[in-house]
Amino acid sequence: MSVAELAIASLAAFLALYASIVLALFVLGRRGESRAVARFIPDCLVLLRRLLVDDRVSRVRKLSLVLMLGYLALPIDLIPDFIPVAGQLDDAILVALTLRFVLHGSGRELVDEHWPGPPEGLAVVQRFAFAPQTDRRQGA
């Protein structure tokens, strides 16, 4: 299987899982939540695209986002994807840390300005990006 075929298969699997979650919420009668979940990832992608072209975002933060996307596109990982759970976990951790770095460094006002979705989705992004860091040394 070529790299392109693997990337397309991975994307298809992700989209199928995403669609099944949205459909499950819809079938369970939680239409508002279904709609919010369906829009969340596209809204996040629009936010990241807008931040990438905004001159107020530092080059270091833009570069970290581009490097993360490049790493995800490569077929070689720190932990190979064929190892159950751990293979995907390293990618998820990398994405989470990079997004937090980019969003936190961009500032709350800039994220608010560029967020295209509903306020509930923005609240999730803000909690993720701007949650206070705890200092574990305080208890010692």
C-alpha atoms as a PDB file:
ATOM      1  CA  MET A   1       0.000   0.000   0.000  1.00  0.00           C
ATOM      2  CA  SER A   2       1.441   3.381  -0.993  1.00  0.00           C
ATOM      3  CA  VAL A   3       1.670   6.370   1.330  1.00  0.00           C
ATOM      4  CA  ALA A   4      -1.170   8.135  -0.484  1.00  0.00           C
ATOM      5  CA  GLU A   5      -3.415   5.085  -0.218  1.00  0.00           C
ATOM      6  CA  LEU A   6      -2.616   4.745   3.477  1.00  0.00           C
ATOM      7  CA  ALA A   7      -3.373   8.429   4.066  1.00  0.00           C
ATOM      8  CA  ILE A   8      -6.681   8.169   2.205  1.00  0.00           C
ATOM      9  CA  ALA A   9      -7.626   5.000   4.104  1.00  0.00           C
ATOM     10  CA  SER A  10      -6.791   6.654   7.446  1.00  0.00           C
ATOM     11  CA  LEU A  11      -8.804   9.732   6.553  1.00  0.00           C
ATOM     12  CA  ALA A  12     -11.750   7.584   5.462  1.00  0.00           C
ATOM     13  CA  ALA A  13     -11.640   5.628   8.727  1.00  0.00           C
ATOM     14  CA  PHE A  14     -11.550   8.846  10.756  1.00  0.00           C
ATOM     15  CA  LEU A  15     -14.447  10.343   8.811  1.00  0.00           C
ATOM     16  CA  ALA A  16     -16.473   7.147   9.243  1.00  0.00           C
ATOM     17  CA  LEU A  17     -15.922   7.211  13.011  1.00  0.00           C
ATOM     18  CA  TYR A  18     -16.730  10.922  13.169  1.00  0.00           C
ATOM     19  CA  ALA A  19     -19.923  10.440  11.131  1.00  0.00           C
ATOM     20  CA  SER A  20     -20.994   7.504  13.303  1.00  0.00           C
ATOM     21  CA  ILE A  21     -20.676   9.629  16.459  1.00  0.00           C
ATOM     22  CA  VAL A  22     -22.738  12.408  14.886  1.00  0.00           C
ATOM     23  CA  LEU A  23     -25.337   9.894  13.666  1.00  0.00           C
ATOM     24  CA  ALA A  24     -25.518   8.185  17.075  1.00  0.00           C
ATOM     25  CA  LEU A  25     -26.230  11.493  18.784  1.00  0.00           C
ATOM     26  CA  PHE A  26     -28.879  12.294  16.176  1.00  0.00           C
ATOM     27  CA  VAL A  27     -30.593   8.904  16.561  1.00  0.00           C
ATOM     28  CA  LEU A  28     -30.563   9.258  20.357  1.00  0.00           C
ATOM     29  CA  GLY A  29     -32.572  12.463  19.959  1.00  0.00           C
ATOM     30  CA  ARG A  30     -29.736  14.823  20.812  1.00  0.00           C
ATOM     31  CA  ARG A  31     -29.995  16.832  17.629  1.00  0.00           C
ATOM     32  CA  GLY A  32     -28.445  20.015  19.008  1.00  0.00           C
ATOM     33  CA  GLU A  33     -25.406  18.138  20.268  1.00  0.00           C
ATOM     34  CA  SER A  34     -25.231  16.221  16.994  1.00  0.00           C
ATOM     35  CA  ARG A  35     -25.122  19.479  15.050  1.00  0.00           C
ATOM     36  CA  ALA A  36     -22.467  20.942  17.394  1.00  0.00           C
ATOM     37  CA  VAL A  37     -20.219  17.878  17.091  1.00  0.00           C
ATOM     38  CA  ALA A  38     -20.663  17.821  13.316  1.00  0.00           C
ATOM     39  CA  ARG A  39     -19.481  21.434  13.070  1.00  0.00           C
ATOM     40  CA  PHE A  40     -16.685  21.321  15.657  1.00  0.00           C
ATOM     41  CA  ILE A  41     -13.824  19.858  13.597  1.00  0.00           C
ATOM     42  CA  PRO A  42     -14.609  21.919  10.477  1.00  0.00           C
ATOM     43  CA  ASP A  43     -14.768  25.023  12.707  1.00  0.00           C
ATOM     44  CA  CYS A  44     -11.381  24.135  14.227  1.00  0.00           C
ATOM     45  CA  LEU A  45      -9.879  23.725  10.757  1.00  0.00           C
ATOM     46  CA  VAL A  46     -11.213  27.137   9.709  1.00  0.00           C
ATOM     47  CA  LEU A  47      -9.773  28.652  12.906  1.00  0.00           C
ATOM     48  CA  LEU A  48      -6.343  27.160  12.230  1.00  0.00           C
ATOM     49  CA  ARG A  49      -6.378  28.286   8.592  1.00  0.00           C
ATOM     50  CA  ARG A  50      -7.292  31.822   9.663  1.00  0.00           C
ATOM     51  CA  LEU A  51      -4.537  31.844  12.292  1.00  0.00           C
ATOM     52  CA  LEU A  52      -1.997  30.636   9.710  1.00  0.00           C
ATOM     53  CA  VAL A  53      -2.654  33.645   7.478  1.00  0.00           C
ATOM     54  CA  ASP A  54      -2.921  36.209  10.285  1.00  0.00           C
ATOM     55  CA  ASP A  55       0.181  38.410  10.578  1.00  0.00           C
ATOM     56  CA  ARG A  56      -0.348  38.783  14.339  1.00  0.00           C
ATOM     57  CA  VAL A  57       0.527  35.103  14.895  1.00  0.00           C
ATOM     58  CA  SER A  58       4.260  34.558  15.292  1.00  0.00           C
ATOM     59  CA  ARG A  59       6.239  32.658  12.681  1.00  0.00           C
ATOM     60  CA  VAL A  60       7.355  30.136  15.300  1.00  0.00           C
ATOM     61  CA  ARG A  61       3.749  29.170  16.059  1.00  0.00           C
ATOM     62  CA  LYS A  62       2.875  28.963  12.364  1.00  0.00           C
ATOM     63  CA  LEU A  63       5.955  26.845  11.720  1.00  0.00           C
ATOM     64  CA  SER A  64       5.082  24.471  14.563  1.00  0.00           C
ATOM     65  CA  LEU A  65       1.645  23.921  13.031  1.00  0.00           C
ATOM     66  CA  VAL A  66       3.091  23.279   9.571  1.00  0.00           C
ATOM     67  CA  LEU A  67       5.669  20.869  11.019  1.00  0.00           C
ATOM     68  CA  MET A  68       2.946  19.006  12.913  1.00  0.00           C
ATOM     69  CA  LEU A  69       0.930  18.597   9.724  1.00  0.00           C
ATOM     70  CA  GLY A  70       4.044  17.393   7.906  1.00  0.00           C
ATOM     71  CA  TYR A  71       4.775  14.837  10.625  1.00  0.00           C
ATOM     72  CA  LEU A  72       1.212  13.534  10.459  1.00  0.00           C
ATOM     73  CA  ALA A  73       1.480  13.182   6.682  1.00  0.00           C
ATOM     74  CA  LEU A  74       4.656  11.102   6.896  1.00  0.00           C
ATOM     75  CA  PRO A  75       4.285   7.331   7.031  1.00  0.00           C
ATOM     76  CA  ILE A  76       7.048   7.122   9.669  1.00  0.00           C
ATOM     77  CA  ASP A  77       6.076   7.746  13.309  1.00  0.00           C
ATOM     78  CA  LEU A  78       7.876   7.675  16.639  1.00  0.00           C
ATOM     79  CA  ILE A  79       5.576   4.799  17.543  1.00  0.00           C
ATOM     80  CA  PRO A  80       4.346   2.876  14.471  1.00  0.00           C
ATOM     81  CA  ASP A  81       0.590   3.073  13.863  1.00  0.00           C
ATOM     82  CA  PHE A  82       0.259  -0.715  13.654  1.00  0.00           C
ATOM     83  CA  ILE A  83       0.849  -0.906  17.440  1.00  0.00           C
ATOM     84  CA  PRO A  84      -2.658  -0.744  18.938  1.00  0.00           C
ATOM     85  CA  VAL A  85      -3.547   2.406  20.890  1.00  0.00           C
ATOM     86  CA  ALA A  86       0.061   3.598  21.389  1.00  0.00           C
ATOM     87  CA  GLY A  87       0.522   4.057  17.646  1.00  0.00           C
ATOM     88  CA  GLN A  88      -2.295   6.563  17.482  1.00  0.00           C
ATOM     89  CA  LEU A  89      -1.685   8.014  20.928  1.00  0.00           C
ATOM     90  CA  ASP A  90       1.646   9.613  19.983  1.00  0.00           C
ATOM     91  CA  ASP A  91      -0.065  11.409  17.090  1.00  0.00           C
ATOM     92  CA  ALA A  92      -2.937  12.574  19.318  1.00  0.00           C
ATOM     93  CA  ILE A  93      -0.539  13.889  21.973  1.00  0.00           C
ATOM     94  CA  LEU A  94       1.516  15.730  19.345  1.00  0.00           C
ATOM     95  CA  VAL A  95      -1.613  17.327  17.877  1.00  0.00           C
ATOM     96  CA  ALA A  96      -2.922  18.356  21.308  1.00  0.00           C
ATOM     97  CA  LEU A  97       0.366  19.905  22.427  1.00  0.00           C
ATOM     98  CA  THR A  98       0.919  21.734  19.138  1.00  0.00           C
ATOM     99  CA  LEU A  99      -2.627  23.097  19.030  1.00  0.00           C
ATOM    100  CA  ARG A 100      -2.386  24.269  22.632  1.00  0.00           C
ATOM    101  CA  PHE A 101       0.955  25.960  21.846  1.00  0.00           C
ATOM    102  CA  VAL A 102      -0.456  27.720  18.771  1.00  0.00           C
ATOM    103  CA  LEU A 103      -3.785  28.726  20.320  1.00  0.00           C
ATOM    104  CA  HIS A 104      -2.354  29.798  23.666  1.00  0.00           C
ATOM    105  CA  GLY A 105       0.370  31.833  21.980  1.00  0.00           C
ATOM    106  CA  SER A 106      -2.078  33.475  19.594  1.00  0.00           C
ATOM    107  CA  GLY A 107      -4.084  34.917  22.454  1.00  0.00           C
ATOM    108  CA  ARG A 108      -7.680  34.663  23.565  1.00  0.00           C
ATOM    109  CA  GLU A 109      -8.790  37.734  21.598  1.00  0.00           C
ATOM    110  CA  LEU A 110      -7.375  36.425  18.324  1.00  0.00           C
ATOM    111  CA  VAL A 111      -8.980  33.009  18.823  1.00  0.00           C
ATOM    112  CA  ASP A 112     -12.309  34.692  19.644  1.00  0.00           C
ATOM    113  CA  GLU A 113     -12.020  36.881  16.548  1.00  0.00           C
ATOM    114  CA  HIS A 114     -11.311  33.989  14.172  1.00  0.00           C
ATOM    115  CA  TRP A 115     -13.690  31.370  15.631  1.00  0.00           C
ATOM    116  CA  PRO A 116     -16.367  30.662  12.977  1.00  0.00           C
ATOM    117  CA  GLY A 117     -18.678  28.426  15.002  1.00  0.00           C
ATOM    118  CA  PRO A 118     -21.147  28.623  17.863  1.00  0.00           C
ATOM    119  CA  PRO A 119     -20.170  29.907  21.327  1.00  0.00           C
ATOM    120  CA  GLU A 120     -20.316  26.398  22.797  1.00  0.00           C
ATOM    121  CA  GLY A 121     -17.543  25.223  20.483  1.00  0.00           C
ATOM    122  CA  LEU A 122     -15.500  28.324  21.264  1.00  0.00           C
ATOM    123  CA  ALA A 123     -15.861  27.556  24.974  1.00  0.00           C
ATOM    124  CA  VAL A 124     -14.385  24.083  24.415  1.00  0.00           C
ATOM    125  CA  VAL A 125     -11.447  25.531  22.470  1.00  0.00           C
ATOM    126  CA  GLN A 126     -10.846  28.181  25.139  1.00  0.00           C
ATOM    127  CA  ARG A 127     -10.893  25.614  27.945  1.00  0.00           C
ATOM    128  CA  PHE A 128      -8.371  23.523  26.021  1.00  0.00           C
ATOM    129  CA  ALA A 129      -6.052  26.367  25.031  1.00  0.00           C
ATOM    130  CA  PHE A 130      -6.256  28.659  28.034  1.00  0.00           C
ATOM    131  CA  ALA A 131      -6.801  26.353  31.005  1.00  0.00           C
ATOM    132  CA  PRO A 132      -4.430  27.293  33.802  1.00  0.00           C
ATOM    133  CA  GLN A 133      -1.315  25.185  34.144  1.00  0.00           C
ATOM    134  CA  THR A 134      -0.896  23.586  37.560  1.00  0.00           C
ATOM    135  CA  ASP A 135       2.483  23.650  39.218  1.00  0.00           C
ATOM    136  CA  ARG A 136       3.083  20.244  40.777  1.00  0.00           C
ATOM    137  CA  ARG A 137       5.995  21.569  42.803  1.00  0.00           C
ATOM    138  CA  GLN A 138       3.644  23.601  45.028  1.00  0.00           C
ATOM    139  CA  GLY A 139       2.605  20.536  46.995  1.00  0.00           C
ATOM    140  CA  ALA A 140       6.210  19.492  47.655  1.00  0.00           C
END
